[in-house]
């Protein structure tokens, strides 16, 4: 299947040295000078009679004129991030809103409210806000600005306000879903291609995500067994005086390989798994965006059909159709620009992620190989010494 060939567009000249591999890749979409910097850190637990939750410190530094200050510090909980995401979706139904981590972590990975879970979520929330900050349209959203700057009580008050014009537009788009039936008659070919691409991408990224989790699970099982394997050789050496040093050497090698395996597992859980799962969520978001674009198109198609079947109220229908045509054009242009940007980011992330995994694997196997080769060399030297001593009269 070559539909995702672009994802694997590596440089044909692979570098020899693994340590310099990442430096060989030049990405065309290097970020421009930024004027908005956001950090999510300092998670803090809150326990009340009703619930237990975590808040995160969000620090914003900016040189933009629309901000009253150059630096802000607020605390936000996960529900606040959910609110921001929903407001962005309402205001920009055909833009690709970055995904948030799920409310509950995947079963079998880490426990909720454990240090590992909190740190994983903090990183994901940090990436979520910075992806918005780097987006040419979303970064200027008013609700995003309020999220970054308002104190807790101000944000709570803002949430209680009625939906504005953009919010009502988003609700209208969702409402159209109930009135649109079947396929879209006049969907441009490029959006059909996008839809086909995303169906293939969704299938492949979900398979990669499952395989990566299976690899991690098997690696953990191997690590747990290896932790028990080393001490056995140490205990064995106590009862075998003639080969005690060799057994201890084996135990030492196993211990070093065990530490290298733990380091490789950390690389998988911190780099590979989050990226793959983020793009699983992205695939769901993209399918939703394409569906919303079709809903806007469907609304226009239904009005055009109604005009063709009606003799009266032509002026009224013509005016409404003109507005819908503008709305469809805006939706198409927004999605086309966001689509190209998303594909570039996705290809860059995948290239960087798999390159990192390859480098980590190379380092891991080189380290383990060097450990055992060093041990074997020492045993060979000892064997030669013993043979020489036996040959002497």
Protein backbone atom coordinates (compact mmCIF):
# COMPACT_ATOMS: atom_id res chain seq x y z
CA UNK A 1 0.00 0.00 0.00
CA UNK A 2 1.68 3.18 -1.21
CA UNK A 3 -0.97 5.61 0.04
CA UNK A 4 1.27 6.56 2.97
CA UNK A 5 4.52 6.60 1.03
CA UNK A 6 5.07 10.23 1.88
CA UNK A 7 5.39 9.32 5.54
CA UNK A 8 8.53 7.35 4.76
CA UNK A 9 10.25 10.02 2.67
CA UNK A 10 13.67 9.65 4.31
CA UNK A 11 16.85 11.01 2.85
CA UNK A 12 18.32 8.35 0.52
CA UNK A 13 21.81 8.82 1.95
CA UNK A 14 21.64 7.26 5.41
CA UNK A 15 24.43 8.44 7.75
CA UNK A 16 26.85 5.87 9.08
CA UNK A 17 27.02 7.13 12.64
CA UNK A 18 23.77 6.60 14.61
CA UNK A 19 24.58 9.45 16.95
CA UNK A 20 24.52 11.92 14.08
CA UNK A 21 21.47 10.50 12.34
CA UNK A 22 18.91 13.05 13.52
CA UNK A 23 21.19 15.93 12.60
CA UNK A 24 21.17 14.76 8.98
CA UNK A 25 17.50 15.62 8.51
CA UNK A 26 16.56 19.14 7.50
CA UNK A 27 12.91 19.98 7.89
CA UNK A 28 11.47 22.52 5.50
CA UNK A 29 8.93 23.89 7.95
CA UNK A 30 11.32 25.30 10.53
CA UNK A 31 9.40 27.44 13.05
CA UNK A 32 9.54 31.17 12.54
CA UNK A 33 10.31 33.67 15.28
CA UNK A 34 7.75 33.08 18.00
CA UNK A 35 6.04 35.70 20.15
CA UNK A 36 4.11 33.37 22.48
CA UNK A 37 5.76 30.87 24.84
CA UNK A 38 3.74 28.56 27.09
CA UNK A 39 4.90 26.13 29.77
CA UNK A 40 2.77 23.61 31.67
CA UNK A 41 4.43 22.39 34.87
CA UNK A 42 4.15 22.06 38.68
CA UNK A 43 1.23 19.60 39.03
CA UNK A 44 -0.58 19.95 42.35
CA UNK A 45 -3.11 17.58 43.95
CA UNK A 46 -6.38 18.89 45.39
CA UNK A 47 -8.59 16.76 47.62
CA UNK A 48 -12.11 17.90 48.48
CA UNK A 49 -15.12 16.17 49.99
CA UNK A 50 -16.52 15.70 46.49
CA UNK A 51 -13.54 14.93 44.28
CA UNK A 52 -9.80 14.62 43.87
CA UNK A 53 -8.16 16.45 40.98
CA UNK A 54 -4.85 17.83 39.72
CA UNK A 55 -4.12 21.39 38.68
CA UNK A 56 -1.19 22.45 36.53
CA UNK A 57 0.62 25.75 36.42
CA UNK A 58 0.39 27.45 33.01
CA UNK A 59 3.04 30.12 32.49
CA UNK A 60 2.74 32.36 29.42
CA UNK A 61 5.34 34.81 28.13
CA UNK A 62 4.50 36.99 25.15
CA UNK A 63 5.39 40.14 23.29
CA UNK A 64 2.01 40.51 21.58
CA UNK A 65 0.32 43.87 21.80
CA UNK A 66 -3.17 42.45 22.50
CA UNK A 67 -1.97 41.11 25.85
CA UNK A 68 -1.99 43.55 28.78
CA UNK A 69 1.14 42.04 30.30
CA UNK A 70 4.20 40.21 29.04
CA UNK A 71 3.90 37.32 31.50
CA UNK A 72 1.01 35.41 33.10
CA UNK A 73 0.80 32.56 35.58
CA UNK A 74 -2.45 30.68 36.19
CA UNK A 75 -3.48 27.24 37.41
CA UNK A 76 -5.71 25.03 35.32
CA UNK A 77 -7.29 21.61 35.79
CA UNK A 78 -8.05 19.06 33.09
CA UNK A 79 -11.68 20.21 32.79
CA UNK A 80 -10.45 23.69 31.82
CA UNK A 81 -8.44 22.19 28.95
CA UNK A 82 -11.54 20.30 27.83
CA UNK A 83 -13.52 23.56 27.88
CA UNK A 84 -10.89 25.28 25.74
CA UNK A 85 -10.88 22.45 23.20
CA UNK A 86 -14.67 22.53 22.90
CA UNK A 87 -14.66 26.32 22.42
CA UNK A 88 -12.04 26.02 19.67
CA UNK A 89 -14.09 23.35 17.93
CA UNK A 90 -17.21 25.52 18.11
CA UNK A 91 -15.43 28.58 16.78
CA UNK A 92 -13.44 26.75 14.08
CA UNK A 93 -15.40 23.64 13.01
CA UNK A 94 -13.23 22.96 9.94
CA UNK A 95 -9.83 23.56 11.52
CA UNK A 96 -7.78 20.70 12.98
CA UNK A 97 -7.85 21.17 16.75
CA UNK A 98 -4.96 19.36 18.51
CA UNK A 99 -5.99 16.36 20.62
CA UNK A 100 -6.08 16.24 24.39
CA UNK A 101 -5.04 13.15 26.36
CA UNK A 102 -8.04 11.04 27.35
CA UNK A 103 -9.62 11.61 30.72
CA UNK A 104 -8.51 8.17 31.87
CA UNK A 105 -5.25 6.55 30.87
CA UNK A 106 -5.27 3.34 28.83
CA UNK A 107 -5.82 0.22 30.87
CA UNK A 108 -2.67 -1.63 31.81
CA UNK A 109 -0.30 1.30 31.44
CA UNK A 110 -0.23 3.39 34.61
CA UNK A 111 -2.61 4.09 37.47
CA UNK A 112 -4.59 7.29 37.63
CA UNK A 113 -2.94 9.95 39.83
CA UNK A 114 0.35 8.08 39.94
CA UNK A 115 3.46 10.16 39.34
CA UNK A 116 3.92 8.55 35.92
CA UNK A 117 0.33 9.28 34.91
CA UNK A 118 0.53 12.90 36.04
CA UNK A 119 3.81 13.47 34.22
CA UNK A 120 2.49 11.85 31.03
CA UNK A 121 -0.58 14.06 31.14
CA UNK A 122 1.48 17.19 31.90
CA UNK A 123 3.58 16.62 28.80
CA UNK A 124 0.47 16.09 26.69
CA UNK A 125 -1.20 19.27 28.01
CA UNK A 126 2.02 21.22 27.38
CA UNK A 127 2.10 19.97 23.79
CA UNK A 128 -1.63 20.74 23.34
CA UNK A 129 -1.23 24.41 24.30
CA UNK A 130 1.95 24.88 22.28
CA UNK A 131 0.39 23.34 19.17
CA UNK A 132 -2.42 25.90 19.51
CA UNK A 133 0.10 28.69 20.08
CA UNK A 134 1.95 27.70 16.89
CA UNK A 135 -1.25 27.55 14.82
CA UNK A 136 -1.68 30.62 12.57
CA UNK A 137 -5.42 30.96 13.36
CA UNK A 138 -6.08 29.25 16.70
CA UNK A 139 -3.35 31.23 18.43
CA UNK A 140 -5.46 34.41 18.11
CA UNK A 141 -8.67 32.86 19.45
CA UNK A 142 -10.18 34.98 22.24
CA UNK A 143 -11.05 31.99 24.44
CA UNK A 144 -7.44 30.80 24.16
CA UNK A 145 -6.25 34.19 25.37
CA UNK A 146 -8.70 34.09 28.28
CA UNK A 147 -7.56 30.56 29.16
CA UNK A 148 -3.95 31.76 29.37
CA UNK A 149 -4.56 34.98 31.28
CA UNK A 150 -7.73 34.82 33.41
CA UNK A 151 -7.60 33.93 37.08
CA UNK A 152 -9.69 30.96 38.22
CA UNK A 153 -12.75 33.01 39.21
CA UNK A 154 -12.58 35.05 35.99
CA UNK A 155 -12.43 31.91 33.88
CA UNK A 156 -15.34 30.40 35.80
CA UNK A 157 -17.38 33.55 35.17
CA UNK A 158 -16.50 33.51 31.47
CA UNK A 159 -17.60 29.87 31.16
CA UNK A 160 -21.06 30.78 32.45
CA UNK A 161 -21.65 33.35 29.71
CA UNK A 162 -24.05 32.43 26.90
CA UNK A 163 -22.69 31.21 23.57
CA UNK A 164 -21.49 33.92 21.22
CA UNK A 165 -21.85 34.20 17.49
CA UNK A 166 -19.02 31.81 16.67
CA UNK A 167 -20.31 29.29 19.18
CA UNK A 168 -23.80 29.41 17.63
CA UNK A 169 -22.23 28.87 14.23
CA UNK A 170 -20.52 25.75 15.53
CA UNK A 171 -23.81 24.48 16.97
CA UNK A 172 -25.51 25.14 13.64
CA UNK A 173 -22.91 23.05 11.85
CA UNK A 174 -23.51 20.14 14.23
CA UNK A 175 -27.26 20.51 13.88
CA UNK A 176 -27.00 20.15 10.12
CA UNK A 177 -25.88 16.55 10.62
CA UNK A 178 -29.46 15.56 11.42
CA UNK A 179 -30.76 17.08 8.19
CA UNK A 180 -28.08 15.76 5.82
CA UNK A 181 -28.64 12.20 4.60
CA UNK A 182 -26.45 10.08 2.37
CA UNK A 183 -23.33 11.18 0.58
CA UNK A 184 -22.50 14.71 -0.49
CA UNK A 185 -23.30 15.19 -4.18
CA UNK A 186 -20.93 18.03 -4.99
CA UNK A 187 -17.95 17.23 -2.79
CA UNK A 188 -14.73 18.40 -4.50
CA UNK A 189 -12.37 15.59 -5.49
CA UNK A 190 -9.60 16.75 -3.16
CA UNK A 191 -11.81 16.22 -0.09
CA UNK A 192 -12.70 12.73 -1.30
CA UNK A 193 -8.97 12.05 -1.53
CA UNK A 194 -8.50 13.46 1.98
CA UNK A 195 -11.20 11.16 3.28
CA UNK A 196 -9.64 8.10 1.58
CA UNK A 197 -6.20 9.09 2.92
CA UNK A 198 -7.51 9.41 6.48
CA UNK A 199 -9.29 6.06 6.36
CA UNK A 200 -6.00 4.40 5.38
CA UNK A 201 -3.98 6.48 7.84
CA UNK A 202 -6.40 5.69 10.69
CA UNK A 203 -6.15 1.98 10.00
CA UNK A 204 -2.35 1.98 9.86
CA UNK A 205 -1.73 4.26 12.85
CA UNK A 206 -4.09 2.15 15.02
CA UNK A 207 -2.18 -1.00 14.03
CA UNK A 208 1.15 0.70 14.82
CA UNK A 209 -0.23 1.86 18.18
CA UNK A 210 -1.30 -1.67 19.11
CA UNK A 211 2.01 -3.19 18.01
CA UNK A 212 3.98 -0.59 19.97
CA UNK A 213 2.02 -1.38 23.14
CA UNK A 214 2.55 -5.10 22.60
CA UNK A 215 6.30 -4.54 22.16
CA UNK A 216 6.37 -2.47 25.35
CA UNK A 217 4.46 -5.15 27.26
CA UNK A 218 6.81 -7.91 26.05
CA UNK A 219 9.82 -5.75 26.85
CA UNK A 220 8.54 -5.23 30.40
CA UNK A 221 8.01 -8.98 30.86
CA UNK A 222 11.53 -9.65 29.57
CA UNK A 223 12.91 -6.98 31.93
CA UNK A 224 11.13 -8.47 34.95
CA UNK A 225 12.46 -11.95 34.18
CA UNK A 226 15.99 -10.65 33.60
CA UNK A 227 15.94 -8.90 37.00
CA UNK A 228 15.51 -12.31 38.63
CA UNK A 229 17.97 -14.06 36.33
CA UNK A 230 21.05 -12.10 37.43
CA UNK A 231 20.86 -12.75 41.22
CA UNK A 232 20.48 -16.48 40.54
CA UNK A 233 24.01 -16.56 39.10
CA UNK A 234 25.31 -14.68 42.13
CA UNK A 235 23.74 -17.24 44.49
CA UNK A 236 25.04 -20.06 42.32
CA UNK A 237 28.62 -18.72 42.55
CA UNK A 238 28.57 -19.26 46.32
CA UNK A 239 28.37 -23.04 45.83
CA UNK A 240 30.74 -23.34 42.84
CA UNK A 241 34.16 -22.19 43.96
CA UNK A 242 35.95 -23.14 40.73
CA UNK A 243 33.70 -21.07 38.48
CA UNK A 244 32.59 -18.45 41.03
CA UNK A 245 34.30 -15.56 39.22
CA UNK A 246 32.75 -16.53 35.89
CA UNK A 247 29.27 -16.79 37.40
CA UNK A 248 29.67 -13.43 39.06
CA UNK A 249 30.79 -12.00 35.72
CA UNK A 250 27.65 -13.38 34.04
CA UNK A 251 25.53 -11.83 36.81
CA UNK A 252 27.25 -8.48 36.27
CA UNK A 253 26.62 -8.62 32.50
CA UNK A 254 22.97 -9.45 33.04
CA UNK A 255 22.66 -6.55 35.47
CA UNK A 256 24.17 -4.11 32.93
CA UNK A 257 21.88 -5.41 30.17
CA UNK A 258 18.94 -5.12 32.55
CA UNK A 259 19.70 -1.42 33.12
CA UNK A 260 20.06 -0.88 29.36
CA UNK A 261 16.68 -2.57 28.81
CA UNK A 262 15.07 -0.33 31.42
CA UNK A 263 16.49 2.70 29.63
CA UNK A 264 15.12 1.50 26.30
CA UNK A 265 11.69 0.92 27.87
CA UNK A 266 11.73 4.51 29.14
CA UNK A 267 12.46 5.69 25.60
CA UNK A 268 9.47 3.74 24.27
CA UNK A 269 7.08 5.02 26.93
CA UNK A 270 8.25 8.63 26.71
CA UNK A 271 8.75 9.02 22.97
CA UNK A 272 7.17 6.34 20.78
CA UNK A 273 3.92 5.47 22.59
CA UNK A 274 2.71 9.06 23.19
CA UNK A 275 3.37 10.14 19.58
CA UNK A 276 1.62 7.15 18.03
CA UNK A 277 -1.38 7.53 20.33
CA UNK A 278 -1.53 11.28 19.69
CA UNK A 279 -1.94 10.55 15.99
CA UNK A 280 -4.57 7.90 16.72
CA UNK A 281 -6.52 10.75 18.33
CA UNK A 282 -5.62 13.05 15.43
CA UNK A 283 -7.09 10.54 12.97
CA UNK A 284 -10.41 10.68 14.84
CA UNK A 285 -10.28 14.48 14.86
CA UNK A 286 -9.54 14.64 11.11
CA UNK A 287 -12.45 12.34 10.29
CA UNK A 288 -14.71 14.59 12.36
CA UNK A 289 -13.44 17.74 10.60
CA UNK A 290 -14.06 16.20 7.17
CA UNK A 291 -17.54 15.19 8.26
CA UNK A 292 -18.30 18.74 9.42
CA UNK A 293 -17.10 20.10 6.07
CA UNK A 294 -19.46 17.68 4.33
CA UNK A 295 -22.29 18.85 6.56
CA UNK A 296 -21.76 22.45 5.45
CA UNK A 297 -21.63 21.26 1.83
CA UNK A 298 -24.78 19.21 2.38
CA UNK A 299 -26.63 22.24 3.74
CA UNK A 300 -25.76 24.17 0.58
CA UNK A 301 -26.81 21.26 -1.66
CA UNK A 302 -30.16 20.95 0.09
CA UNK A 303 -30.87 24.68 -0.38
CA UNK A 304 -29.93 24.51 -4.07
CA UNK A 305 -32.32 21.57 -4.53
CA UNK A 306 -35.05 23.45 -2.68
CA UNK A 307 -34.58 26.48 -4.93
CA UNK A 308 -34.85 24.32 -8.05
CA UNK A 309 -38.17 22.90 -6.81
CA UNK A 310 -39.72 26.19 -5.69
CA UNK A 311 -41.29 28.79 -7.91
CA UNK A 312 -41.72 31.40 -5.16
CA UNK A 313 -39.35 32.99 -2.65
CA UNK A 314 -36.52 32.77 -5.17
CA UNK A 315 -34.92 35.97 -3.97
CA UNK A 316 -34.87 34.76 -0.38
CA UNK A 317 -33.39 31.40 -1.35
CA UNK A 318 -30.83 32.99 -3.66
CA UNK A 319 -29.58 35.23 -0.87
CA UNK A 320 -29.33 32.29 1.54
CA UNK A 321 -27.52 30.18 -1.06
CA UNK A 322 -25.02 32.99 -1.64
CA UNK A 323 -24.21 33.06 2.06
CA UNK A 324 -23.89 29.28 2.17
CA UNK A 325 -21.57 29.31 -0.84
CA UNK A 326 -19.32 31.78 1.00
CA UNK A 327 -19.48 29.57 4.09
CA UNK A 328 -18.50 26.46 2.09
CA UNK A 329 -15.64 28.32 0.43
CA UNK A 330 -14.33 29.52 3.79
CA UNK A 331 -14.60 26.00 5.22
CA UNK A 332 -12.80 24.52 2.22
CA UNK A 333 -9.97 27.06 2.31
CA UNK A 334 -9.52 26.68 6.08
CA UNK A 335 -9.38 22.90 5.86
CA UNK A 336 -7.05 22.85 2.83
CA UNK A 337 -4.51 25.11 4.56
CA UNK A 338 -4.75 23.17 7.83
CA UNK A 339 -4.51 19.83 6.00
CA UNK A 340 -1.19 20.71 4.36
CA UNK A 341 0.18 22.01 7.64
CA UNK A 342 -0.98 18.92 9.54
CA UNK A 343 0.59 16.52 7.03
CA UNK A 344 3.93 18.32 7.23
CA UNK A 345 3.88 18.18 11.04
CA UNK A 346 2.78 14.53 11.03
CA UNK A 347 5.55 13.48 8.64
CA UNK A 348 8.11 15.42 10.66
CA UNK A 349 6.93 13.86 13.94
CA UNK A 350 6.89 10.34 12.51
CA UNK A 351 10.31 10.73 10.91
CA UNK A 352 11.82 12.08 14.11
CA UNK A 353 10.09 9.48 16.32
CA UNK A 354 11.12 6.42 14.33
CA UNK A 355 14.63 7.78 13.88
CA UNK A 356 14.89 8.16 17.66
CA UNK A 357 13.61 4.61 18.17
CA UNK A 358 16.14 3.26 15.67
CA UNK A 359 19.00 5.14 17.36
CA UNK A 360 17.93 3.96 20.82
CA UNK A 361 17.78 0.36 19.60
CA UNK A 362 21.24 0.64 18.05
CA UNK A 363 22.68 2.06 21.27
CA UNK A 364 20.96 -0.65 23.30
CA UNK A 365 22.29 -3.55 21.25
CA UNK A 366 25.77 -2.01 20.97
CA UNK A 367 25.89 -1.58 24.74
CA UNK A 368 24.74 -5.14 25.44
CA UNK A 369 27.10 -6.57 22.80
CA UNK A 370 30.06 -4.64 24.22
CA UNK A 371 29.21 -5.91 27.72
CA UNK A 372 29.24 -9.57 26.71
CA UNK A 373 32.25 -9.22 24.41
CA UNK A 374 34.23 -7.68 27.27
CA UNK A 375 33.24 -10.56 29.54
CA UNK A 376 34.17 -13.19 26.95
CA UNK A 377 37.54 -11.52 26.33
CA UNK A 378 38.31 -11.63 30.06
CA UNK A 379 37.40 -15.33 30.20
CA UNK A 380 39.65 -16.07 27.22
CA UNK A 381 42.60 -14.35 28.93
CA UNK A 382 42.01 -16.29 32.15
CA UNK A 383 41.82 -19.55 30.18
CA UNK A 384 45.16 -18.86 28.46
CA UNK A 385 46.80 -18.08 31.81
CA UNK A 386 45.59 -21.37 33.25
CA UNK A 387 46.82 -23.31 30.22
CA UNK A 388 50.27 -21.70 30.46
CA UNK A 389 50.54 -22.56 34.15
CA UNK A 390 49.65 -26.20 33.45
CA UNK A 391 52.31 -26.48 30.71
CA UNK A 392 55.14 -25.38 33.00
CA UNK A 393 57.26 -28.20 34.60
